[in-house]
Amino acid sequence: SGVEKGGHAKFECPHCKITAPDLKTMQIHHEAKHPKIPFEESK
């Protein structure tokens, strides 16, 4: 979960607060769950 120790979850989605271990996984999540919003790595 990444709450207590930082864990495997490195990135958190700014829209739905789901976590992902790396940038590529977060990009796949974003394209699947938020297709109308452009993916911005800085957010």
All heavy atoms as atom14 arrays in JSON, in Angstrom:
{
  "sequence": "SGVEKGGHAKFECPHCKITAPDLKTMQIHHEAKHPKIPFEESK",
  "atom14_mask": [
    [1, 1, 1, 1, 1, 1, 0, 0, 0, 0, 0, 0, 0, 0],
    [1, 1, 1, 1, 0, 0, 0, 0, 0, 0, 0, 0, 0, 0],
    [1, 1, 1, 1, 1, 1, 1, 0, 0, 0, 0, 0, 0, 0],
    [1, 1, 1, 1, 1, 1, 1, 1, 1, 0, 0, 0, 0, 0],
    [1, 1, 1, 1, 1, 1, 1, 1, 1, 0, 0, 0, 0, 0],
    [1, 1, 1, 1, 0, 0, 0, 0, 0, 0, 0, 0, 0, 0],
    [1, 1, 1, 1, 0, 0, 0, 0, 0, 0, 0, 0, 0, 0],
    [1, 1, 1, 1, 1, 1, 1, 1, 1, 1, 0, 0, 0, 0],
    [1, 1, 1, 1, 1, 0, 0, 0, 0, 0, 0, 0, 0, 0],
    [1, 1, 1, 1, 1, 1, 1, 1, 1, 0, 0, 0, 0, 0],
    [1, 1, 1, 1, 1, 1, 1, 1, 1, 1, 1, 0, 0, 0],
    [1, 1, 1, 1, 1, 1, 1, 1, 1, 0, 0, 0, 0, 0],
    [1, 1, 1, 1, 1, 1, 0, 0, 0, 0, 0, 0, 0, 0],
    [1, 1, 1, 1, 1, 1, 1, 0, 0, 0, 0, 0, 0, 0],
    [1, 1, 1, 1, 1, 1, 1, 1, 1, 1, 0, 0, 0, 0],
    [1, 1, 1, 1, 1, 1, 0, 0, 0, 0, 0, 0, 0, 0],
    [1, 1, 1, 1, 1, 1, 1, 1, 1, 0, 0, 0, 0, 0],
    [1, 1, 1, 1, 1, 1, 1, 1, 0, 0, 0, 0, 0, 0],
    [1, 1, 1, 1, 1, 1, 1, 0, 0, 0, 0, 0, 0, 0],
    [1, 1, 1, 1, 1, 0, 0, 0, 0, 0, 0, 0, 0, 0],
    [1, 1, 1, 1, 1, 1, 1, 0, 0, 0, 0, 0, 0, 0],
    [1, 1, 1, 1, 1, 1, 1, 1, 0, 0, 0, 0, 0, 0],
    [1, 1, 1, 1, 1, 1, 1, 1, 0, 0, 0, 0, 0, 0],
    [1, 1, 1, 1, 1, 1, 1, 1, 1, 0, 0, 0, 0, 0],
    [1, 1, 1, 1, 1, 1, 1, 0, 0, 0, 0, 0, 0, 0],
    [1, 1, 1, 1, 1, 1, 1, 1, 0, 0, 0, 0, 0, 0],
    [1, 1, 1, 1, 1, 1, 1, 1, 1, 0, 0, 0, 0, 0],
    [1, 1, 1, 1, 1, 1, 1, 1, 0, 0, 0, 0, 0, 0],
    [1, 1, 1, 1, 1, 1, 1, 1, 1, 1, 0, 0, 0, 0],
    [1, 1, 1, 1, 1, 1, 1, 1, 1, 1, 0, 0, 0, 0],
    [1, 1, 1, 1, 1, 1, 1, 1, 1, 0, 0, 0, 0, 0],
    [1, 1, 1, 1, 1, 0, 0, 0, 0, 0, 0, 0, 0, 0],
    [1, 1, 1, 1, 1, 1, 1, 1, 1, 0, 0, 0, 0, 0],
    [1, 1, 1, 1, 1, 1, 1, 1, 1, 1, 0, 0, 0, 0],
    [1, 1, 1, 1, 1, 1, 1, 0, 0, 0, 0, 0, 0, 0],
    [1, 1, 1, 1, 1, 1, 1, 1, 1, 0, 0, 0, 0, 0],
    [1, 1, 1, 1, 1, 1, 1, 1, 0, 0, 0, 0, 0, 0],
    [1, 1, 1, 1, 1, 1, 1, 0, 0, 0, 0, 0, 0, 0],
    [1, 1, 1, 1, 1, 1, 1, 1, 1, 1, 1, 0, 0, 0],
    [1, 1, 1, 1, 1, 1, 1, 1, 1, 0, 0, 0, 0, 0],
    [1, 1, 1, 1, 1, 1, 1, 1, 1, 0, 0, 0, 0, 0],
    [1, 1, 1, 1, 1, 1, 0, 0, 0, 0, 0, 0, 0, 0],
    [1, 1, 1, 1, 1, 1, 1, 1, 1, 0, 0, 0, 0, 0]
  ],
  "atom14_positions": [
    [[0.82, -1.21, 0.0], [0.0, 0.0, 0.0], [0.86, 1.26, 0.0], [0.44, 2.3, -0.48], [-0.95, 0.01, 1.2], [-0.22, 0.15, 2.39], [0.0, 0.0, 0.0], [0.0, 0.0, 0.0], [0.0, 0.0, 0.0], [0.0, 0.0, 0.0], [0.0, 0.0, 0.0], [0.0, 0.0, 0.0], [0.0, 0.0, 0.0], [0.0, 0.0, 0.0]],
    [[2.05, 1.18, 0.57], [2.96, 2.31, 0.56], [2.63, 3.36, 1.6], [3.17, 4.46, 1.56], [0.0, 0.0, 0.0], [0.0, 0.0, 0.0], [0.0, 0.0, 0.0], [0.0, 0.0, 0.0], [0.0, 0.0, 0.0], [0.0, 0.0, 0.0], [0.0, 0.0, 0.0], [0.0, 0.0, 0.0], [0.0, 0.0, 0.0], [0.0, 0.0, 0.0]],
    [[1.79, 3.04, 2.56], [1.39, 4.02, 3.57], [2.45, 4.17, 4.64], [2.92, 5.26, 4.93], [0.04, 3.61, 4.21], [-0.34, 4.56, 5.32], [-1.04, 3.58, 3.15], [0.0, 0.0, 0.0], [0.0, 0.0, 0.0], [0.0, 0.0, 0.0], [0.0, 0.0, 0.0], [0.0, 0.0, 0.0], [0.0, 0.0, 0.0], [0.0, 0.0, 0.0]],
    [[2.87, 3.05, 5.23], [3.76, 3.12, 6.38], [5.23, 3.23, 6.0], [5.96, 4.07, 6.5], [3.56, 1.88, 7.25], [4.35, 1.91, 8.53], [4.13, 0.66, 9.36], [3.07, 0.04, 9.24], [5.05, 0.31, 10.11], [0.0, 0.0, 0.0], [0.0, 0.0, 0.0], [0.0, 0.0, 0.0], [0.0, 0.0, 0.0], [0.0, 0.0, 0.0]],
    [[5.69, 2.4, 5.07], [7.12, 2.32, 4.79], [7.53, 2.89, 3.44], [8.7, 2.96, 3.14], [7.55, 0.85, 4.8], [7.3, 0.13, 6.1], [7.7, -1.31, 5.94], [7.29, -2.11, 7.15], [7.52, -3.52, 6.98], [0.0, 0.0, 0.0], [0.0, 0.0, 0.0], [0.0, 0.0, 0.0], [0.0, 0.0, 0.0], [0.0, 0.0, 0.0]],
    [[6.59, 3.25, 2.61], [6.95, 3.65, 1.26], [6.73, 2.5, 0.3], [6.3, 2.7, -0.82], [0.0, 0.0, 0.0], [0.0, 0.0, 0.0], [0.0, 0.0, 0.0], [0.0, 0.0, 0.0], [0.0, 0.0, 0.0], [0.0, 0.0, 0.0], [0.0, 0.0, 0.0], [0.0, 0.0, 0.0], [0.0, 0.0, 0.0], [0.0, 0.0, 0.0]],
    [[7.01, 1.31, 0.74], [6.67, 0.07, 0.04], [6.94, 0.04, -1.45], [7.82, 0.7, -1.97], [0.0, 0.0, 0.0], [0.0, 0.0, 0.0], [0.0, 0.0, 0.0], [0.0, 0.0, 0.0], [0.0, 0.0, 0.0], [0.0, 0.0, 0.0], [0.0, 0.0, 0.0], [0.0, 0.0, 0.0], [0.0, 0.0, 0.0], [0.0, 0.0, 0.0]],
    [[6.15, -0.76, -2.14], [6.3, -0.92, -3.57], [5.61, 0.18, -4.35], [5.9, 0.41, -5.5], [5.73, -2.28, -4.01], [6.48, -3.43, -3.46], [6.08, -4.09, -2.33], [7.61, -4.04, -3.87], [6.92, -5.05, -2.07], [7.87, -5.05, -2.99], [0.0, 0.0, 0.0], [0.0, 0.0, 0.0], [0.0, 0.0, 0.0], [0.0, 0.0, 0.0]],
    [[4.65, 0.82, -3.72], [3.87, 1.84, -4.41], [4.64, 3.14, -4.41], [4.76, 3.81, -3.4], [2.53, 2.0, -3.71], [0.0, 0.0, 0.0], [0.0, 0.0, 0.0], [0.0, 0.0, 0.0], [0.0, 0.0, 0.0], [0.0, 0.0, 0.0], [0.0, 0.0, 0.0], [0.0, 0.0, 0.0], [0.0, 0.0, 0.0], [0.0, 0.0, 0.0]],
    [[5.17, 3.5, -5.56], [5.98, 4.72, -5.64], [5.16, 5.92, -6.1], [5.28, 7.0, -5.55], [7.15, 4.49, -6.6], [8.09, 5.68, -6.66], [9.32, 5.38, -7.46], [10.25, 6.59, -7.44], [11.45, 6.36, -8.23], [0.0, 0.0, 0.0], [0.0, 0.0, 0.0], [0.0, 0.0, 0.0], [0.0, 0.0, 0.0], [0.0, 0.0, 0.0]],
    [[4.3, 5.72, -7.1], [3.53, 6.83, -7.65], [2.06, 6.73, -7.28], [1.51, 5.65, -7.15], [3.67, 6.86, -9.17], [5.05, 7.16, -9.65], [5.86, 6.16, -10.16], [5.58, 8.44, -9.56], [7.14, 6.42, -10.59], [6.86, 8.71, -9.99], [7.64, 7.7, -10.5], [0.0, 0.0, 0.0], [0.0, 0.0, 0.0], [0.0, 0.0, 0.0]],
    [[1.43, 7.9, -7.11], [0.01, 7.97, -6.79], [-0.69, 8.8, -7.86], [-0.23, 9.88, -8.22], [-0.18, 8.62, -5.42], [-1.62, 8.67, -4.97], [-1.76, 9.29, -3.6], [-1.41, 10.49, -3.46], [-2.2, 8.6, -2.69], [0.0, 0.0, 0.0], [0.0, 0.0, 0.0], [0.0, 0.0, 0.0], [0.0, 0.0, 0.0], [0.0, 0.0, 0.0]],
    [[-1.82, 8.28, -8.35], [-2.59, 8.97, -9.38], [-3.25, 10.2, -8.76], [-3.91, 10.1, -7.72], [-3.64, 8.02, -9.96], [-4.66, 8.78, -11.22], [0.0, 0.0, 0.0], [0.0, 0.0, 0.0], [0.0, 0.0, 0.0], [0.0, 0.0, 0.0], [0.0, 0.0, 0.0], [0.0, 0.0, 0.0], [0.0, 0.0, 0.0], [0.0, 0.0, 0.0]],
    [[-3.11, 11.37, -9.37], [-3.72, 12.57, -8.79], [-5.24, 12.6, -8.92], [-5.9, 13.36, -8.22], [-3.09, 13.72, -9.6], [-2.67, 13.1, -10.87], [-2.33, 11.67, -10.57], [0.0, 0.0, 0.0], [0.0, 0.0, 0.0], [0.0, 0.0, 0.0], [0.0, 0.0, 0.0], [0.0, 0.0, 0.0], [0.0, 0.0, 0.0], [0.0, 0.0, 0.0]],
    [[-5.81, 11.75, -9.77], [-7.26, 11.77, -10.01], [-8.01, 10.81, -9.1], [-9.02, 11.17, -8.51], [-7.56, 11.45, -11.47], [-6.78, 12.28, -12.43], [-6.97, 13.64, -12.57], [-5.75, 11.96, -13.28], [-6.13, 14.12, -13.47], [-5.38, 13.12, -13.92], [0.0, 0.0, 0.0], [0.0, 0.0, 0.0], [0.0, 0.0, 0.0], [0.0, 0.0, 0.0]],
    [[-7.52, 9.56, -8.97], [-8.25, 8.56, -8.2], [-7.47, 8.01, -7.02], [-7.93, 7.13, -6.31], [-8.69, 7.4, -9.11], [-7.31, 6.51, -9.85], [0.0, 0.0, 0.0], [0.0, 0.0, 0.0], [0.0, 0.0, 0.0], [0.0, 0.0, 0.0], [0.0, 0.0, 0.0], [0.0, 0.0, 0.0], [0.0, 0.0, 0.0], [0.0, 0.0, 0.0]],
    [[-6.25, 8.5, -6.79], [-5.4, 8.15, -5.65], [-4.95, 6.69, -5.62], [-4.54, 6.2, -4.58], [-6.1, 8.48, -4.32], [-6.52, 9.92, -4.17], [-5.33, 10.85, -4.2], [-5.8, 12.28, -3.98], [-4.79, 13.24, -4.36], [0.0, 0.0, 0.0], [0.0, 0.0, 0.0], [0.0, 0.0, 0.0], [0.0, 0.0, 0.0], [0.0, 0.0, 0.0]],
    [[-5.02, 5.99, -6.75], [-4.51, 4.63, -6.79], [-3.0, 4.69, -6.94], [-2.46, 5.66, -7.48], [-5.17, 3.81, -7.94], [-4.95, 2.34, -7.72], [-4.63, 4.24, -9.28], [-5.81, 1.47, -8.6], [0.0, 0.0, 0.0], [0.0, 0.0, 0.0], [0.0, 0.0, 0.0], [0.0, 0.0, 0.0], [0.0, 0.0, 0.0], [0.0, 0.0, 0.0]],
    [[-2.3, 3.67, -6.42], [-0.84, 3.7, -6.44], [-0.29, 2.7, -7.46], [-0.94, 1.72, -7.78], [-0.26, 3.35, -5.05], [-0.8, 2.1, -4.63], [-0.62, 4.43, -4.05], [0.0, 0.0, 0.0], [0.0, 0.0, 0.0], [0.0, 0.0, 0.0], [0.0, 0.0, 0.0], [0.0, 0.0, 0.0], [0.0, 0.0, 0.0], [0.0, 0.0, 0.0]],
    [[0.93, 2.97, -7.93], [1.6, 2.11, -8.9], [3.09, 2.09, -8.59], [3.63, 3.08, -8.1], [1.37, 2.62, -10.32], [0.0, 0.0, 0.0], [0.0, 0.0, 0.0], [0.0, 0.0, 0.0], [0.0, 0.0, 0.0], [0.0, 0.0, 0.0], [0.0, 0.0, 0.0], [0.0, 0.0, 0.0], [0.0, 0.0, 0.0], [0.0, 0.0, 0.0]],
    [[3.78, 0.97, -8.89], [5.19, 0.88, -8.55], [6.14, 1.66, -9.45], [7.22, 2.04, -9.01], [5.48, -0.62, -8.65], [4.46, -1.14, -9.6], [3.25, -0.28, -9.41], [0.0, 0.0, 0.0], [0.0, 0.0, 0.0], [0.0, 0.0, 0.0], [0.0, 0.0, 0.0], [0.0, 0.0, 0.0], [0.0, 0.0, 0.0], [0.0, 0.0, 0.0]],
    [[5.75, 1.9, -10.7], [6.65, 2.63, -11.58], [5.86, 3.51, -12.55], [4.63, 3.47, -12.6], [7.58, 1.68, -12.34], [6.84, 0.66, -13.18], [5.6, 0.7, -13.22], [7.51, -0.18, -13.81], [0.0, 0.0, 0.0], [0.0, 0.0, 0.0], [0.0, 0.0, 0.0], [0.0, 0.0, 0.0], [0.0, 0.0, 0.0], [0.0, 0.0, 0.0]],
    [[6.59, 4.3, -13.31], [5.99, 5.28, -14.21], [5.22, 4.62, -15.35], [4.13, 5.07, -15.71], [7.08, 6.19, -14.77], [6.62, 7.4, -15.56], [5.79, 8.32, -14.68], [7.82, 8.15, -16.1], [0.0, 0.0, 0.0], [0.0, 0.0, 0.0], [0.0, 0.0, 0.0], [0.0, 0.0, 0.0], [0.0, 0.0, 0.0], [0.0, 0.0, 0.0]],
    [[5.75, 3.54, -15.9], [5.1, 2.85, -17.02], [3.75, 2.27, -16.59], [2.75, 2.38, -17.32], [6.02, 1.74, -17.54], [5.47, 1.0, -18.74], [5.45, 1.88, -19.96], [4.96, 1.11, -21.17], [4.76, 1.95, -22.32], [0.0, 0.0, 0.0], [0.0, 0.0, 0.0], [0.0, 0.0, 0.0], [0.0, 0.0, 0.0], [0.0, 0.0, 0.0]],
    [[3.7, 1.68, -15.4], [2.45, 1.13, -14.88], [1.43, 2.23, -14.65], [0.24, 2.06, -14.93], [2.7, 0.36, -13.58], [3.74, -0.59, -13.8], [1.46, -0.35, -13.1], [0.0, 0.0, 0.0], [0.0, 0.0, 0.0], [0.0, 0.0, 0.0], [0.0, 0.0, 0.0], [0.0, 0.0, 0.0], [0.0, 0.0, 0.0], [0.0, 0.0, 0.0]],
    [[1.89, 3.37, -14.15], [0.98, 4.5, -13.92], [0.46, 5.03, -15.25], [-0.7, 5.43, -15.36], [1.69, 5.61, -13.15], [0.79, 6.78, -12.81], [-0.75, 6.36, -11.98], [-0.16, 5.93, -10.37], [0.0, 0.0, 0.0], [0.0, 0.0, 0.0], [0.0, 0.0, 0.0], [0.0, 0.0, 0.0], [0.0, 0.0, 0.0], [0.0, 0.0, 0.0]],
    [[1.28, 5.04, -16.28], [0.85, 5.5, -17.6], [-0.21, 4.55, -18.18], [-1.21, 5.0, -18.75], [2.05, 5.59, -18.54], [1.71, 6.22, -19.87], [2.96, 6.45, -20.72], [4.06, 6.1, -20.32], [2.78, 7.02, -21.87], [0.0, 0.0, 0.0], [0.0, 0.0, 0.0], [0.0, 0.0, 0.0], [0.0, 0.0, 0.0], [0.0, 0.0, 0.0]],
    [[-0.02, 3.24, -18.01], [-1.0, 2.26, -18.47], [-2.32, 2.45, -17.72], [-3.4, 2.42, -18.31], [-0.46, 0.83, -18.28], [0.72, 0.58, -19.22], [-1.55, -0.21, -18.48], [1.49, -0.67, -18.93], [0.0, 0.0, 0.0], [0.0, 0.0, 0.0], [0.0, 0.0, 0.0], [0.0, 0.0, 0.0], [0.0, 0.0, 0.0], [0.0, 0.0, 0.0]],
    [[-2.24, 2.66, -16.4], [-3.44, 2.91, -15.6], [-4.16, 4.16, -16.09], [-5.38, 4.16, -16.25], [-3.06, 3.09, -14.12], [-4.08, 3.87, -13.34], [-5.26, 3.31, -12.92], [-4.11, 5.17, -12.95], [-5.97, 4.24, -12.28], [-5.3, 5.36, -12.29], [0.0, 0.0, 0.0], [0.0, 0.0, 0.0], [0.0, 0.0, 0.0], [0.0, 0.0, 0.0]],
    [[-3.4, 5.21, -16.35], [-3.99, 6.48, -16.75], [-4.7, 6.36, -18.1], [-5.8, 6.9, -18.28], [-2.91, 7.56, -16.8], [-3.47, 8.94, -16.84], [-3.87, 9.55, -18.0], [-3.71, 9.83, -15.85], [-4.33, 10.75, -17.73], [-4.24, 10.94, -16.43], [0.0, 0.0, 0.0], [0.0, 0.0, 0.0], [0.0, 0.0, 0.0], [0.0, 0.0, 0.0]],
    [[-4.09, 5.67, -19.04], [-4.69, 5.5, -20.37], [-5.96, 4.65, -20.29], [-6.9, 4.85, -21.05], [-3.69, 4.86, -21.32], [-2.57, 5.8, -21.69], [-1.44, 5.09, -22.44], [-1.54, 3.87, -22.67], [-0.46, 5.77, -22.8], [0.0, 0.0, 0.0], [0.0, 0.0, 0.0], [0.0, 0.0, 0.0], [0.0, 0.0, 0.0], [0.0, 0.0, 0.0]],
    [[-6.02, 3.7, -19.35], [-7.18, 2.82, -19.23], [-8.32, 3.48, -18.44], [-9.49, 3.34, -18.8], [-6.78, 1.52, -18.54], [0.0, 0.0, 0.0], [0.0, 0.0, 0.0], [0.0, 0.0, 0.0], [0.0, 0.0, 0.0], [0.0, 0.0, 0.0], [0.0, 0.0, 0.0], [0.0, 0.0, 0.0], [0.0, 0.0, 0.0], [0.0, 0.0, 0.0]],
    [[-7.99, 4.18, -17.37], [-9.02, 4.71, -16.47], [-9.38, 6.17, -16.71], [-10.46, 6.61, -16.34], [-8.56, 4.55, -15.0], [-8.3, 3.12, -14.61], [-9.58, 2.31, -14.65], [-9.29, 0.86, -14.26], [-10.46, 0.01, -14.35], [0.0, 0.0, 0.0], [0.0, 0.0, 0.0], [0.0, 0.0, 0.0], [0.0, 0.0, 0.0], [0.0, 0.0, 0.0]],
    [[-8.46, 6.95, -17.25], [-8.7, 8.38, -17.48], [-8.37, 8.76, -18.93], [-7.48, 9.59, -19.16], [-7.86, 9.23, -16.51], [-7.86, 8.72, -15.1], [-8.96, 8.77, -14.3], [-6.87, 8.15, -14.36], [-8.65, 8.26, -13.11], [-7.4, 7.86, -13.13], [0.0, 0.0, 0.0], [0.0, 0.0, 0.0], [0.0, 0.0, 0.0], [0.0, 0.0, 0.0]],
    [[-9.04, 8.18, -19.91], [-8.65, 8.42, -21.31], [-8.89, 9.84, -21.81], [-8.21, 10.3, -22.73], [-9.51, 7.42, -22.09], [-10.68, 7.15, -21.22], [-10.19, 7.28, -19.81], [0.0, 0.0, 0.0], [0.0, 0.0, 0.0], [0.0, 0.0, 0.0], [0.0, 0.0, 0.0], [0.0, 0.0, 0.0], [0.0, 0.0, 0.0], [0.0, 0.0, 0.0]],
    [[-9.82, 10.56, -21.18], [-10.13, 11.92, -21.65], [-9.17, 12.97, -21.1], [-9.08, 14.08, -21.63], [-11.57, 12.29, -21.25], [-12.6, 11.42, -21.96], [-13.99, 11.8, -21.56], [-15.0, 10.89, -22.25], [-16.37, 11.17, -21.85], [0.0, 0.0, 0.0], [0.0, 0.0, 0.0], [0.0, 0.0, 0.0], [0.0, 0.0, 0.0], [0.0, 0.0, 0.0]],
    [[-8.45, 12.63, -20.03], [-7.52, 13.57, -19.42], [-6.12, 13.26, -19.94], [-5.69, 12.11, -19.92], [-7.54, 13.43, -17.88], [-8.97, 13.59, -17.35], [-6.61, 14.43, -17.23], [-9.13, 13.22, -15.89], [0.0, 0.0, 0.0], [0.0, 0.0, 0.0], [0.0, 0.0, 0.0], [0.0, 0.0, 0.0], [0.0, 0.0, 0.0], [0.0, 0.0, 0.0]],
    [[-5.38, 14.28, -20.41], [-4.02, 14.01, -20.91], [-3.08, 13.61, -19.77], [-3.17, 14.13, -18.66], [-3.59, 15.33, -21.54], [-4.47, 16.35, -20.93], [-5.76, 15.68, -20.57], [0.0, 0.0, 0.0], [0.0, 0.0, 0.0], [0.0, 0.0, 0.0], [0.0, 0.0, 0.0], [0.0, 0.0, 0.0], [0.0, 0.0, 0.0], [0.0, 0.0, 0.0]],
    [[-2.19, 12.67, -20.06], [-1.23, 12.18, -19.06], [-0.11, 13.19, -18.87], [0.59, 13.54, -19.8], [-0.65, 10.84, -19.5], [0.34, 10.26, -18.53], [-0.08, 9.77, -17.31], [1.69, 10.23, -18.84], [0.84, 9.22, -16.41], [2.61, 9.69, -17.95], [2.18, 9.19, -16.74], [0.0, 0.0, 0.0], [0.0, 0.0, 0.0], [0.0, 0.0, 0.0]],
    [[0.04, 13.68, -17.65], [1.11, 14.62, -17.32], [1.95, 14.03, -16.21], [1.47, 13.84, -15.09], [0.52, 15.96, -16.88], [-0.23, 16.68, -17.99], [-0.8, 18.0, -17.52], [-0.14, 18.67, -16.71], [-1.9, 18.36, -17.97], [0.0, 0.0, 0.0], [0.0, 0.0, 0.0], [0.0, 0.0, 0.0], [0.0, 0.0, 0.0], [0.0, 0.0, 0.0]],
    [[3.18, 13.74, -16.52], [4.09, 13.12, -15.56], [4.37, 14.02, -14.36], [4.57, 13.55, -13.25], [5.4, 12.77, -16.28], [6.33, 11.91, -15.48], [7.56, 11.54, -16.27], [7.46, 11.34, -17.49], [8.63, 11.45, -15.66], [0.0, 0.0, 0.0], [0.0, 0.0, 0.0], [0.0, 0.0, 0.0], [0.0, 0.0, 0.0], [0.0, 0.0, 0.0]],
    [[4.33, 15.31, -14.57], [4.64, 16.25, -13.49], [3.57, 16.29, -12.4], [3.85, 16.69, -11.27], [4.82, 17.65, -14.07], [3.62, 18.07, -14.7], [0.0, 0.0, 0.0], [0.0, 0.0, 0.0], [0.0, 0.0, 0.0], [0.0, 0.0, 0.0], [0.0, 0.0, 0.0], [0.0, 0.0, 0.0], [0.0, 0.0, 0.0], [0.0, 0.0, 0.0]],
    [[2.34, 15.87, -12.7], [1.26, 15.89, -11.71], [1.24, 14.66, -10.8], [0.52, 14.64, -9.82], [-0.09, 16.0, -12.41], [-0.36, 17.36, -13.0], [-1.78, 17.46, -13.47], [-2.08, 18.86, -13.97], [-3.47, 18.99, -14.42], [0.0, 0.0, 0.0], [0.0, 0.0, 0.0], [0.0, 0.0, 0.0], [0.0, 0.0, 0.0], [0.0, 0.0, 0.0]]
  ]
}
